[in-house]
Amino acid sequence: MSKRLIQRYRDGDRMNHWFIALMFFLAALSGLAFFHPSLFFFTNLFGGGQWTRILHPFLGLLMVLGFLLFFIKIWRENLINDHDRAWMKHAGRMLQGDKAGMPPVGKYNAGQKFVFWAMALSLLVLVVTGFMFWRPWFAPFFSIPVMRIAVLLHAVSAVVLVLSVIVHVYAAIWVKGTVRAMTRGTVTENWARLNHPLWHEEMTHHKGR
């Protein structure tokens, strides 16, 4: 592969990405501890049940704040456009490994955009419902039936978020050369040309000006 490199993410963006990933991992483990009695042993990682209950909402809030910074920066690049609609019509080719036969896309393809919005919406529900039964600060303002609904929505959103992250990680590993973008900040020009040709054209055109 070509050794010519294109910058995909700045250092600050990558540091924020890994901060979000760390907070997600810790929030997920602490949340799972209360999801089912068989998973309560995860509380040992946080100093016991009481400390896990105290830390979980703060870990979740830090994750949301980190994602919010990311969201503000890239949400426009994740809006669905005509190129994405064409890409979705040929998504079967992608699953068969025929990347060359896929319609050209920009910095993110439709699959990545759907994962992005699934994460954003699930985090929004998580933070809103989390505040609703966060004891002792906000729970007294809501009735028991309302908090029960909030707990259910919180759990469903957590499942959606976990599944989205699994898809995100799997896709990053499956598409060779993608992990480099978040570890070194750059991708090879051949990778960009093959996976995101419109973005490649934009970046190389800009570089050549």
C-alpha atoms as a PDB file:
ATOM      1  CA  MET A   1       0.000   0.000   0.000  1.00  0.00           C
ATOM      2  CA  SER A   2       1.022   3.593  -0.599  1.00  0.00           C
ATOM      3  CA  LYS A   3       2.933   5.206   2.235  1.00  0.00           C
ATOM      4  CA  ARG A   4       1.523   8.637   1.464  1.00  0.00           C
ATOM      5  CA  LEU A   5      -0.584   9.627   4.444  1.00  0.00           C
ATOM      6  CA  ILE A   6      -3.638  11.813   4.940  1.00  0.00           C
ATOM      7  CA  GLN A   7      -4.620  13.234   8.304  1.00  0.00           C
ATOM      8  CA  ARG A   8      -8.065  12.004   9.349  1.00  0.00           C
ATOM      9  CA  TYR A   9      -8.189  13.049  13.014  1.00  0.00           C
ATOM     10  CA  ARG A  10      -6.284  15.630  15.018  1.00  0.00           C
ATOM     11  CA  ASP A  11      -4.560  14.712  18.285  1.00  0.00           C
ATOM     12  CA  GLY A  12      -7.250  16.359  20.406  1.00  0.00           C
ATOM     13  CA  ASP A  13     -10.008  14.440  18.622  1.00  0.00           C
ATOM     14  CA  ARG A  14      -8.206  11.136  19.154  1.00  0.00           C
ATOM     15  CA  MET A  15      -7.579  11.837  22.831  1.00  0.00           C
ATOM     16  CA  ASN A  16     -11.270  12.664  23.272  1.00  0.00           C
ATOM     17  CA  HIS A  17     -12.257   9.483  21.414  1.00  0.00           C
ATOM     18  CA  TRP A  18     -10.199   7.304  23.763  1.00  0.00           C
ATOM     19  CA  PHE A  19     -11.500   9.231  26.782  1.00  0.00           C
ATOM     20  CA  ILE A  20     -15.069   8.459  25.651  1.00  0.00           C
ATOM     21  CA  ALA A  21     -14.103   4.814  25.118  1.00  0.00           C
ATOM     22  CA  LEU A  22     -12.638   4.568  28.642  1.00  0.00           C
ATOM     23  CA  MET A  23     -15.673   6.205  30.235  1.00  0.00           C
ATOM     24  CA  PHE A  24     -17.968   3.933  28.230  1.00  0.00           C
ATOM     25  CA  PHE A  25     -16.104   0.845  29.434  1.00  0.00           C
ATOM     26  CA  LEU A  26     -16.246   1.935  33.088  1.00  0.00           C
ATOM     27  CA  ALA A  27     -19.865   3.117  32.895  1.00  0.00           C
ATOM     28  CA  ALA A  28     -20.901  -0.112  31.167  1.00  0.00           C
ATOM     29  CA  LEU A  29     -19.251  -2.332  33.787  1.00  0.00           C
ATOM     30  CA  SER A  30     -20.647  -0.326  36.694  1.00  0.00           C
ATOM     31  CA  GLY A  31     -24.093  -0.312  35.079  1.00  0.00           C
ATOM     32  CA  LEU A  32     -24.041  -4.032  34.372  1.00  0.00           C
ATOM     33  CA  ALA A  33     -23.353  -4.615  38.061  1.00  0.00           C
ATOM     34  CA  PHE A  34     -26.910  -3.444  38.777  1.00  0.00           C
ATOM     35  CA  PHE A  35     -28.493  -4.906  35.650  1.00  0.00           C
ATOM     36  CA  HIS A  36     -28.691  -8.427  37.054  1.00  0.00           C
ATOM     37  CA  PRO A  37     -27.674 -10.030  40.387  1.00  0.00           C
ATOM     38  CA  SER A  38     -25.302 -12.414  38.599  1.00  0.00           C
ATOM     39  CA  LEU A  39     -23.281  -9.392  37.450  1.00  0.00           C
ATOM     40  CA  PHE A  40     -23.036  -7.736  40.837  1.00  0.00           C
ATOM     41  CA  PHE A  41     -19.442  -8.954  41.175  1.00  0.00           C
ATOM     42  CA  PHE A  42     -18.422  -6.080  38.884  1.00  0.00           C
ATOM     43  CA  THR A  43     -18.868  -3.808  41.889  1.00  0.00           C
ATOM     44  CA  ASN A  44     -15.575  -5.207  43.197  1.00  0.00           C
ATOM     45  CA  LEU A  45     -13.836  -3.179  40.480  1.00  0.00           C
ATOM     46  CA  PHE A  46     -15.177   0.054  41.936  1.00  0.00           C
ATOM     47  CA  GLY A  47     -14.794  -0.517  45.668  1.00  0.00           C
ATOM     48  CA  GLY A  48     -18.096  -2.205  46.424  1.00  0.00           C
ATOM     49  CA  GLY A  49     -21.785  -1.672  45.761  1.00  0.00           C
ATOM     50  CA  GLN A  50     -22.085   1.732  47.395  1.00  0.00           C
ATOM     51  CA  TRP A  51     -19.138   3.225  45.542  1.00  0.00           C
ATOM     52  CA  THR A  52     -20.330   1.705  42.273  1.00  0.00           C
ATOM     53  CA  ARG A  53     -23.734   3.331  42.728  1.00  0.00           C
ATOM     54  CA  ILE A  54     -22.052   6.683  43.446  1.00  0.00           C
ATOM     55  CA  LEU A  55     -19.546   6.526  40.587  1.00  0.00           C
ATOM     56  CA  HIS A  56     -21.780   5.158  37.801  1.00  0.00           C
ATOM     57  CA  PRO A  57     -23.732   8.374  37.066  1.00  0.00           C
ATOM     58  CA  PHE A  58     -20.563  10.483  37.127  1.00  0.00           C
ATOM     59  CA  LEU A  59     -18.817   8.097  34.721  1.00  0.00           C
ATOM     60  CA  GLY A  60     -21.845   8.212  32.440  1.00  0.00           C
ATOM     61  CA  LEU A  61     -21.985  11.997  32.579  1.00  0.00           C
ATOM     62  CA  LEU A  62     -18.296  12.288  31.684  1.00  0.00           C
ATOM     63  CA  MET A  63     -18.875   9.954  28.731  1.00  0.00           C
ATOM     64  CA  VAL A  64     -21.768  12.095  27.502  1.00  0.00           C
ATOM     65  CA  LEU A  65     -19.778  15.319  27.854  1.00  0.00           C
ATOM     66  CA  GLY A  66     -16.906  13.825  25.864  1.00  0.00           C
ATOM     67  CA  PHE A  67     -19.280  12.625  23.154  1.00  0.00           C
ATOM     68  CA  LEU A  68     -20.961  16.039  23.091  1.00  0.00           C
ATOM     69  CA  LEU A  69     -17.646  17.637  22.096  1.00  0.00           C
ATOM     70  CA  PHE A  70     -17.292  15.055  19.338  1.00  0.00           C
ATOM     71  CA  PHE A  71     -20.919  15.544  18.277  1.00  0.00           C
ATOM     72  CA  ILE A  72     -20.596  19.320  17.957  1.00  0.00           C
ATOM     73  CA  LYS A  73     -17.570  18.892  15.728  1.00  0.00           C
ATOM     74  CA  ILE A  74     -18.768  16.188  13.324  1.00  0.00           C
ATOM     75  CA  TRP A  75     -22.589  16.080  13.304  1.00  0.00           C
ATOM     76  CA  ARG A  76     -22.822  17.908   9.976  1.00  0.00           C
ATOM     77  CA  GLU A  77     -20.527  15.349   8.362  1.00  0.00           C
ATOM     78  CA  ASN A  78     -22.923  12.621   9.529  1.00  0.00           C
ATOM     79  CA  LEU A  79     -26.059  13.922   7.830  1.00  0.00           C
ATOM     80  CA  ILE A  80     -27.465  11.478   5.266  1.00  0.00           C
ATOM     81  CA  ASN A  81     -27.131  12.659   1.657  1.00  0.00           C
ATOM     82  CA  ASP A  82     -27.717  11.297  -1.859  1.00  0.00           C
ATOM     83  CA  HIS A  83     -24.319   9.573  -1.908  1.00  0.00           C
ATOM     84  CA  ASP A  84     -25.283   7.675   1.250  1.00  0.00           C
ATOM     85  CA  ARG A  85     -28.618   6.598  -0.227  1.00  0.00           C
ATOM     86  CA  ALA A  86     -26.822   5.223  -3.266  1.00  0.00           C
ATOM     87  CA  TRP A  87     -24.315   3.493  -0.978  1.00  0.00           C
ATOM     88  CA  MET A  88     -27.122   1.846   1.012  1.00  0.00           C
ATOM     89  CA  LYS A  89     -28.686   0.433  -2.163  1.00  0.00           C
ATOM     90  CA  HIS A  90     -25.418  -1.424  -2.810  1.00  0.00           C
ATOM     91  CA  ALA A  91     -24.610  -2.321   0.807  1.00  0.00           C
ATOM     92  CA  GLY A  92     -24.757  -6.013  -0.095  1.00  0.00           C
ATOM     93  CA  ARG A  93     -21.626  -5.603  -2.180  1.00  0.00           C
ATOM     94  CA  MET A  94     -19.810  -4.194   0.826  1.00  0.00           C
ATOM     95  CA  LEU A  95     -20.707  -7.245   2.892  1.00  0.00           C
ATOM     96  CA  GLN A  96     -19.357  -9.449   0.099  1.00  0.00           C
ATOM     97  CA  GLY A  97     -16.051  -7.564   0.136  1.00  0.00           C
ATOM     98  CA  ASP A  98     -16.602  -5.757  -3.186  1.00  0.00           C
ATOM     99  CA  LYS A  99     -15.481  -2.306  -2.050  1.00  0.00           C
ATOM    100  CA  ALA A 100     -14.489  -1.272  -5.572  1.00  0.00           C
ATOM    101  CA  GLY A 101     -18.113  -1.680  -6.706  1.00  0.00           C
ATOM    102  CA  MET A 102     -19.518   0.626  -4.036  1.00  0.00           C
ATOM    103  CA  PRO A 103     -20.774   4.138  -4.874  1.00  0.00           C
ATOM    104  CA  PRO A 104     -18.351   6.844  -3.692  1.00  0.00           C
ATOM    105  CA  VAL A 105     -18.900   8.396  -0.247  1.00  0.00           C
ATOM    106  CA  GLY A 106     -17.417  11.226   1.768  1.00  0.00           C
ATOM    107  CA  LYS A 107     -15.603  11.093   5.101  1.00  0.00           C
ATOM    108  CA  TYR A 108     -18.210   8.711   6.567  1.00  0.00           C
ATOM    109  CA  ASN A 109     -20.388   6.131   4.845  1.00  0.00           C
ATOM    110  CA  ALA A 110     -24.071   5.497   5.630  1.00  0.00           C
ATOM    111  CA  GLY A 111     -23.263   2.626   7.984  1.00  0.00           C
ATOM    112  CA  GLN A 112     -20.948   4.791  10.053  1.00  0.00           C
ATOM    113  CA  LYS A 113     -23.526   7.569  10.105  1.00  0.00           C
ATOM    114  CA  PHE A 114     -26.289   5.275  11.370  1.00  0.00           C
ATOM    115  CA  VAL A 115     -24.001   4.053  14.163  1.00  0.00           C
ATOM    116  CA  PHE A 116     -23.151   7.663  15.036  1.00  0.00           C
ATOM    117  CA  TRP A 117     -26.812   8.653  15.337  1.00  0.00           C
ATOM    118  CA  ALA A 118     -27.686   5.485  17.250  1.00  0.00           C
ATOM    119  CA  MET A 119     -24.975   6.388  19.764  1.00  0.00           C
ATOM    120  CA  ALA A 120     -26.104  10.012  19.967  1.00  0.00           C
ATOM    121  CA  LEU A 121     -29.773   9.168  20.536  1.00  0.00           C
ATOM    122  CA  SER A 122     -29.070   6.399  23.029  1.00  0.00           C
ATOM    123  CA  LEU A 123     -26.754   8.681  25.019  1.00  0.00           C
ATOM    124  CA  LEU A 124     -29.399  11.404  25.028  1.00  0.00           C
ATOM    125  CA  VAL A 125     -31.974   9.013  26.474  1.00  0.00           C
ATOM    126  CA  LEU A 126     -29.427   7.640  28.939  1.00  0.00           C
ATOM    127  CA  VAL A 127     -28.494  11.038  30.329  1.00  0.00           C
ATOM    128  CA  VAL A 128     -32.115  12.264  30.583  1.00  0.00           C
ATOM    129  CA  THR A 129     -33.421   9.105  32.236  1.00  0.00           C
ATOM    130  CA  GLY A 130     -30.313   8.815  34.389  1.00  0.00           C
ATOM    131  CA  PHE A 131     -30.969  12.223  35.917  1.00  0.00           C
ATOM    132  CA  MET A 132     -34.565  11.190  36.631  1.00  0.00           C
ATOM    133  CA  PHE A 133     -33.595   8.464  39.107  1.00  0.00           C
ATOM    134  CA  TRP A 134     -30.246   9.834  40.280  1.00  0.00           C
ATOM    135  CA  ARG A 135     -30.482   9.632  44.063  1.00  0.00           C
ATOM    136  CA  PRO A 136     -30.474  11.684  46.166  1.00  0.00           C
ATOM    137  CA  TRP A 137     -30.258  14.665  43.813  1.00  0.00           C
ATOM    138  CA  PHE A 138     -33.110  14.443  41.304  1.00  0.00           C
ATOM    139  CA  ALA A 139     -35.168  11.316  42.047  1.00  0.00           C
ATOM    140  CA  PRO A 140     -37.413  13.076  44.633  1.00  0.00           C
ATOM    141  CA  PHE A 141     -38.836  15.268  41.857  1.00  0.00           C
ATOM    142  CA  PHE A 142     -40.356  12.276  40.031  1.00  0.00           C
ATOM    143  CA  SER A 143     -43.023   9.777  40.955  1.00  0.00           C
ATOM    144  CA  ILE A 144     -42.315   6.050  41.330  1.00  0.00           C
ATOM    145  CA  PRO A 145     -44.206   5.092  38.090  1.00  0.00           C
ATOM    146  CA  VAL A 146     -42.289   7.713  36.113  1.00  0.00           C
ATOM    147  CA  MET A 147     -38.974   6.505  37.491  1.00  0.00           C
ATOM    148  CA  ARG A 148     -39.861   2.919  36.613  1.00  0.00           C
ATOM    149  CA  ILE A 149     -40.414   3.957  33.000  1.00  0.00           C
ATOM    150  CA  ALA A 150     -37.142   5.899  33.116  1.00  0.00           C
ATOM    151  CA  VAL A 151     -35.266   2.834  34.381  1.00  0.00           C
ATOM    152  CA  LEU A 152     -36.711   0.715  31.555  1.00  0.00           C
ATOM    153  CA  LEU A 153     -35.791   3.282  28.899  1.00  0.00           C
ATOM    154  CA  HIS A 154     -32.355   3.613  30.472  1.00  0.00           C
ATOM    155  CA  ALA A 155     -31.770  -0.131  30.172  1.00  0.00           C
ATOM    156  CA  VAL A 156     -33.031  -0.307  26.575  1.00  0.00           C
ATOM    157  CA  SER A 157     -30.856   2.648  25.564  1.00  0.00           C
ATOM    158  CA  ALA A 158     -27.848   1.063  27.251  1.00  0.00           C
ATOM    159  CA  VAL A 159     -28.366  -2.100  25.172  1.00  0.00           C
ATOM    160  CA  VAL A 160     -28.609  -0.004  21.986  1.00  0.00           C
ATOM    161  CA  LEU A 161     -25.413   1.837  22.912  1.00  0.00           C
ATOM    162  CA  VAL A 162     -23.503  -1.372  23.663  1.00  0.00           C
ATOM    163  CA  LEU A 163     -24.619  -2.941  20.361  1.00  0.00           C
ATOM    164  CA  SER A 164     -23.645   0.235  18.498  1.00  0.00           C
ATOM    165  CA  VAL A 165     -20.193   0.180  20.057  1.00  0.00           C
ATOM    166  CA  ILE A 166     -19.776  -3.503  19.138  1.00  0.00           C
ATOM    167  CA  VAL A 167     -20.660  -2.707  15.498  1.00  0.00           C
ATOM    168  CA  HIS A 168     -18.308   0.279  15.578  1.00  0.00           C
ATOM    169  CA  VAL A 169     -15.373  -1.767  16.894  1.00  0.00           C
ATOM    170  CA  TYR A 170     -16.061  -4.705  14.564  1.00  0.00           C
ATOM    171  CA  ALA A 171     -16.197  -2.443  11.504  1.00  0.00           C
ATOM    172  CA  ALA A 172     -12.972  -0.695  12.513  1.00  0.00           C
ATOM    173  CA  ILE A 173     -11.181  -4.045  12.754  1.00  0.00           C
ATOM    174  CA  TRP A 174     -12.851  -5.514   9.648  1.00  0.00           C
ATOM    175  CA  VAL A 175     -11.832  -2.638   7.368  1.00  0.00           C
ATOM    176  CA  LYS A 176      -8.070  -2.965   7.382  1.00  0.00           C
ATOM    177  CA  GLY A 177      -6.262   0.298   8.038  1.00  0.00           C
ATOM    178  CA  THR A 178      -9.137   1.953   9.907  1.00  0.00           C
ATOM    179  CA  VAL A 179      -7.747   1.519  13.439  1.00  0.00           C
ATOM    180  CA  ARG A 180      -4.710   3.530  12.382  1.00  0.00           C
ATOM    181  CA  ALA A 181      -6.947   6.617  12.069  1.00  0.00           C
ATOM    182  CA  MET A 182      -7.604   6.643  15.816  1.00  0.00           C
ATOM    183  CA  THR A 183      -4.178   5.465  16.941  1.00  0.00           C
ATOM    184  CA  ARG A 184      -1.971   7.615  14.714  1.00  0.00           C
ATOM    185  CA  GLY A 185      -4.429  10.124  13.297  1.00  0.00           C
ATOM    186  CA  THR A 186      -3.592   9.315   9.683  1.00  0.00           C
ATOM    187  CA  VAL A 187      -4.654   6.875   6.973  1.00  0.00           C
ATOM    188  CA  THR A 188      -2.890   5.867   3.793  1.00  0.00           C
ATOM    189  CA  GLU A 189      -3.939   7.577   0.600  1.00  0.00           C
ATOM    190  CA  ASN A 190      -4.876   4.219  -0.904  1.00  0.00           C
ATOM    191  CA  TRP A 191      -7.159   3.504   2.075  1.00  0.00           C
ATOM    192  CA  ALA A 192      -8.886   6.846   1.633  1.00  0.00           C
ATOM    193  CA  ARG A 193      -9.242   6.351  -2.124  1.00  0.00           C
ATOM    194  CA  LEU A 194     -10.754   2.892  -1.685  1.00  0.00           C
ATOM    195  CA  ASN A 195     -13.074   3.495   1.277  1.00  0.00           C
ATOM    196  CA  HIS A 196     -13.941   7.201   1.107  1.00  0.00           C
ATOM    197  CA  PRO A 197     -13.153   8.405  -2.440  1.00  0.00           C
ATOM    198  CA  LEU A 198     -15.063  11.700  -2.210  1.00  0.00           C
ATOM    199  CA  TRP A 199     -13.236  12.603   0.992  1.00  0.00           C
ATOM    200  CA  HIS A 200      -9.954  11.524  -0.590  1.00  0.00           C
ATOM    201  CA  GLU A 201     -10.627  13.789  -3.548  1.00  0.00           C
ATOM    202  CA  GLU A 202     -11.474  16.669  -1.239  1.00  0.00           C
ATOM    203  CA  MET A 203      -8.346  16.225   0.857  1.00  0.00           C
ATOM    204  CA  THR A 204      -5.906  15.716  -2.015  1.00  0.00           C
ATOM    205  CA  HIS A 205      -7.418  18.603  -3.967  1.00  0.00           C
ATOM    206  CA  HIS A 206      -7.081  20.845  -0.925  1.00  0.00           C
ATOM    207  CA  LYS A 207      -3.507  19.679  -0.380  1.00  0.00           C
ATOM    208  CA  GLY A 208      -2.604  20.372  -3.986  1.00  0.00           C
ATOM    209  CA  ARG A 209      -3.868  23.945  -3.942  1.00  0.00           C
END
